[in-house]
Amino acid sequence: MKCVICKHGNTVEGTTTVTLEKDGSTIVFKNVPALVCDNCGEAYVTDAISRKLLESAREIVKSGAEVDVRHFESAA
C-alpha cells in the first residue's frame, strides 16, 4: 500500500515499537508486526494486532504497573 503520511513510499512487512499510555501507566511493546513505509518509516498495524495490544495493555494496567516493556510475541 502507498504510505498515507509521505505519499511517496510503499509499505513492506516489518516490525515496530508501540507505546501506549493510560491512567498513569506507560506500556511499550517491541517487535510488533506492522507494515512499514520504505521511505519515511511510518508503521501501520492491523486491526487484529491493535486489538491484541489493547487487550494486553488493559491487563497490564489492571496489574498496577506504571511502566512495562514487553516483546509482542510474549504479550499476545
N, C-alpha and C. Protein backbone atom coordinates (compact mmCIF):
# COMPACT_ATOMS: atom_id res chain seq x y z
N MET A 1 0.84 -1.18 0.00
CA MET A 1 0.00 0.00 0.00
C MET A 1 0.88 1.24 0.00
N LYS A 2 0.37 2.31 -0.53
CA LYS A 2 1.08 3.59 -0.55
C LYS A 2 0.97 4.23 0.83
N CYS A 3 2.04 4.83 1.30
CA CYS A 3 2.05 5.49 2.61
C CYS A 3 1.15 6.72 2.58
N VAL A 4 0.24 6.82 3.54
CA VAL A 4 -0.65 7.97 3.58
C VAL A 4 0.01 9.19 4.22
N ILE A 5 1.15 9.00 4.87
CA ILE A 5 1.85 10.12 5.50
C ILE A 5 2.74 10.86 4.50
N CYS A 6 3.69 10.15 3.91
CA CYS A 6 4.64 10.82 2.99
C CYS A 6 4.17 10.81 1.54
N LYS A 7 3.23 9.93 1.21
CA LYS A 7 2.67 9.83 -0.15
C LYS A 7 3.66 9.34 -1.20
N HIS A 8 4.90 8.98 -0.79
CA HIS A 8 5.91 8.55 -1.76
C HIS A 8 6.30 7.10 -1.60
N GLY A 9 6.36 6.63 -0.37
CA GLY A 9 6.84 5.28 -0.11
C GLY A 9 5.75 4.23 -0.20
N ASN A 10 6.19 2.99 -0.26
CA ASN A 10 5.30 1.84 -0.21
C ASN A 10 5.60 1.09 1.08
N THR A 11 4.58 0.43 1.61
CA THR A 11 4.78 -0.30 2.86
C THR A 11 5.27 -1.71 2.59
N VAL A 12 6.13 -2.16 3.49
CA VAL A 12 6.66 -3.52 3.44
C VAL A 12 6.49 -4.14 4.82
N GLU A 13 6.43 -5.47 4.87
CA GLU A 13 6.28 -6.13 6.15
C GLU A 13 7.52 -5.89 7.01
N GLY A 14 7.28 -5.63 8.29
CA GLY A 14 8.37 -5.39 9.22
C GLY A 14 7.84 -5.40 10.64
N THR A 15 8.55 -4.74 11.52
CA THR A 15 8.11 -4.63 12.91
C THR A 15 8.29 -3.19 13.37
N THR A 16 7.60 -2.87 14.47
CA THR A 16 7.69 -1.54 15.04
C THR A 16 7.58 -1.63 16.55
N THR A 17 7.79 -0.53 17.21
CA THR A 17 7.59 -0.42 18.65
C THR A 17 6.36 0.45 18.88
N VAL A 18 5.46 -0.03 19.73
CA VAL A 18 4.22 0.70 20.03
C VAL A 18 4.24 1.09 21.50
N THR A 19 4.01 2.36 21.80
CA THR A 19 3.93 2.85 23.17
C THR A 19 2.51 3.30 23.45
N LEU A 20 1.95 2.78 24.53
CA LEU A 20 0.59 3.14 24.93
C LEU A 20 0.63 3.73 26.34
N GLU A 21 -0.18 4.76 26.58
CA GLU A 21 -0.27 5.37 27.89
C GLU A 21 -1.73 5.42 28.32
N LYS A 22 -1.99 5.02 29.58
CA LYS A 22 -3.35 5.08 30.11
C LYS A 22 -3.30 5.12 31.62
N ASP A 23 -4.08 6.01 32.19
CA ASP A 23 -4.23 6.12 33.64
C ASP A 23 -2.88 6.12 34.37
N GLY A 24 -1.91 6.85 33.85
CA GLY A 24 -0.61 6.95 34.50
C GLY A 24 0.34 5.80 34.22
N SER A 25 -0.08 4.83 33.40
CA SER A 25 0.79 3.71 33.03
C SER A 25 1.33 3.92 31.63
N THR A 26 2.58 3.52 31.42
CA THR A 26 3.19 3.55 30.11
C THR A 26 3.60 2.13 29.76
N ILE A 27 3.12 1.64 28.62
CA ILE A 27 3.40 0.27 28.20
C ILE A 27 4.06 0.33 26.83
N VAL A 28 5.19 -0.36 26.70
CA VAL A 28 5.93 -0.39 25.44
C VAL A 28 5.94 -1.83 24.94
N PHE A 29 5.48 -2.01 23.72
CA PHE A 29 5.52 -3.31 23.06
C PHE A 29 6.55 -3.23 21.94
N LYS A 30 7.54 -4.12 21.98
CA LYS A 30 8.57 -4.17 20.94
C LYS A 30 8.27 -5.31 19.97
N ASN A 31 8.83 -5.23 18.78
CA ASN A 31 8.70 -6.27 17.75
C ASN A 31 7.25 -6.54 17.36
N VAL A 32 6.46 -5.49 17.23
CA VAL A 32 5.07 -5.62 16.82
C VAL A 32 5.02 -5.73 15.29
N PRO A 33 4.38 -6.77 14.75
CA PRO A 33 4.27 -6.89 13.29
C PRO A 33 3.53 -5.68 12.71
N ALA A 34 4.06 -5.14 11.63
CA ALA A 34 3.46 -3.95 11.02
C ALA A 34 3.86 -3.85 9.56
N LEU A 35 3.14 -3.02 8.85
CA LEU A 35 3.55 -2.61 7.52
C LEU A 35 4.29 -1.28 7.72
N VAL A 36 5.52 -1.20 7.22
CA VAL A 36 6.37 -0.04 7.48
C VAL A 36 6.72 0.62 6.15
N CYS A 37 6.57 1.93 6.09
CA CYS A 37 6.89 2.68 4.87
C CYS A 37 8.39 2.61 4.59
N ASP A 38 8.73 2.26 3.36
CA ASP A 38 10.14 2.17 3.00
C ASP A 38 10.78 3.54 2.75
N ASN A 39 9.99 4.60 2.81
CA ASN A 39 10.52 5.94 2.62
C ASN A 39 10.65 6.70 3.94
N CYS A 40 9.55 6.78 4.70
CA CYS A 40 9.56 7.62 5.92
C CYS A 40 9.55 6.83 7.22
N GLY A 41 9.28 5.52 7.16
CA GLY A 41 9.31 4.69 8.36
C GLY A 41 8.00 4.64 9.13
N GLU A 42 6.96 5.31 8.65
CA GLU A 42 5.65 5.24 9.32
C GLU A 42 5.19 3.79 9.36
N ALA A 43 4.64 3.37 10.51
CA ALA A 43 4.23 1.98 10.68
C ALA A 43 2.72 1.88 10.83
N TYR A 44 2.15 0.85 10.23
CA TYR A 44 0.72 0.60 10.28
C TYR A 44 0.50 -0.81 10.83
N VAL A 45 -0.31 -0.92 11.88
CA VAL A 45 -0.63 -2.24 12.43
C VAL A 45 -2.07 -2.58 12.05
N THR A 46 -2.34 -3.87 11.93
CA THR A 46 -3.68 -4.33 11.55
C THR A 46 -4.65 -4.16 12.71
N ASP A 47 -5.94 -4.27 12.39
CA ASP A 47 -6.96 -4.20 13.44
C ASP A 47 -6.78 -5.33 14.44
N ALA A 48 -6.44 -6.52 13.96
CA ALA A 48 -6.26 -7.67 14.86
C ALA A 48 -5.10 -7.44 15.82
N ILE A 49 -4.00 -6.90 15.34
CA ILE A 49 -2.85 -6.61 16.19
C ILE A 49 -3.21 -5.51 17.19
N SER A 50 -3.93 -4.50 16.73
CA SER A 50 -4.36 -3.42 17.63
C SER A 50 -5.20 -3.97 18.76
N ARG A 51 -6.13 -4.87 18.45
CA ARG A 51 -6.98 -5.47 19.49
C ARG A 51 -6.13 -6.21 20.52
N LYS A 52 -5.14 -6.99 20.04
CA LYS A 52 -4.27 -7.74 20.95
C LYS A 52 -3.47 -6.79 21.84
N LEU A 53 -2.96 -5.71 21.25
CA LEU A 53 -2.20 -4.74 22.03
C LEU A 53 -3.07 -4.11 23.12
N LEU A 54 -4.27 -3.72 22.76
CA LEU A 54 -5.17 -3.08 23.73
C LEU A 54 -5.61 -4.04 24.82
N GLU A 55 -5.88 -5.30 24.47
CA GLU A 55 -6.24 -6.30 25.48
C GLU A 55 -5.09 -6.50 26.46
N SER A 56 -3.89 -6.66 25.93
CA SER A 56 -2.72 -6.83 26.79
C SER A 56 -2.50 -5.61 27.67
N ALA A 57 -2.66 -4.42 27.09
CA ALA A 57 -2.46 -3.18 27.84
C ALA A 57 -3.46 -3.07 28.99
N ARG A 58 -4.72 -3.46 28.75
CA ARG A 58 -5.72 -3.41 29.82
C ARG A 58 -5.31 -4.28 31.00
N GLU A 59 -4.82 -5.48 30.70
CA GLU A 59 -4.39 -6.40 31.76
C GLU A 59 -3.18 -5.84 32.52
N ILE A 60 -2.27 -5.23 31.80
CA ILE A 60 -1.07 -4.66 32.44
C ILE A 60 -1.47 -3.51 33.36
N VAL A 61 -2.37 -2.64 32.89
CA VAL A 61 -2.83 -1.52 33.70
C VAL A 61 -3.55 -2.04 34.94
N LYS A 62 -4.37 -3.08 34.78
CA LYS A 62 -5.08 -3.67 35.93
C LYS A 62 -4.12 -4.18 36.99
N SER A 63 -2.95 -4.67 36.55
CA SER A 63 -1.98 -5.22 37.50
C SER A 63 -1.29 -4.12 38.32
N GLY A 64 -1.50 -2.87 37.91
CA GLY A 64 -0.93 -1.75 38.67
C GLY A 64 0.44 -1.30 38.19
N ALA A 65 0.92 -1.84 37.08
CA ALA A 65 2.24 -1.46 36.58
C ALA A 65 2.23 -0.01 36.11
N GLU A 66 3.27 0.72 36.46
CA GLU A 66 3.41 2.09 35.97
C GLU A 66 4.15 2.12 34.64
N VAL A 67 5.17 1.27 34.52
CA VAL A 67 5.95 1.16 33.29
C VAL A 67 6.16 -0.32 33.01
N ASP A 68 5.92 -0.73 31.76
CA ASP A 68 6.08 -2.13 31.39
C ASP A 68 6.60 -2.18 29.96
N VAL A 69 7.63 -2.98 29.72
CA VAL A 69 8.20 -3.15 28.38
C VAL A 69 8.15 -4.64 28.05
N ARG A 70 7.56 -4.96 26.91
CA ARG A 70 7.41 -6.37 26.51
C ARG A 70 7.69 -6.55 25.04
N HIS A 71 8.08 -7.78 24.68
CA HIS A 71 8.15 -8.17 23.28
C HIS A 71 6.75 -8.64 22.93
N PHE A 72 6.25 -8.24 21.79
CA PHE A 72 4.87 -8.51 21.41
C PHE A 72 4.53 -10.00 21.47
N GLU A 73 5.40 -10.87 21.00
CA GLU A 73 5.12 -12.30 20.95
C GLU A 73 4.75 -12.84 22.33
N SER A 74 5.44 -12.42 23.37
CA SER A 74 5.18 -12.92 24.71
C SER A 74 4.01 -12.21 25.36
N ALA A 75 3.56 -11.08 24.79
CA ALA A 75 2.46 -10.34 25.39
C ALA A 75 1.12 -10.75 24.79
N ALA A 76 1.14 -11.38 23.65
CA ALA A 76 -0.12 -11.71 22.97
C ALA A 76 -0.80 -12.93 23.53
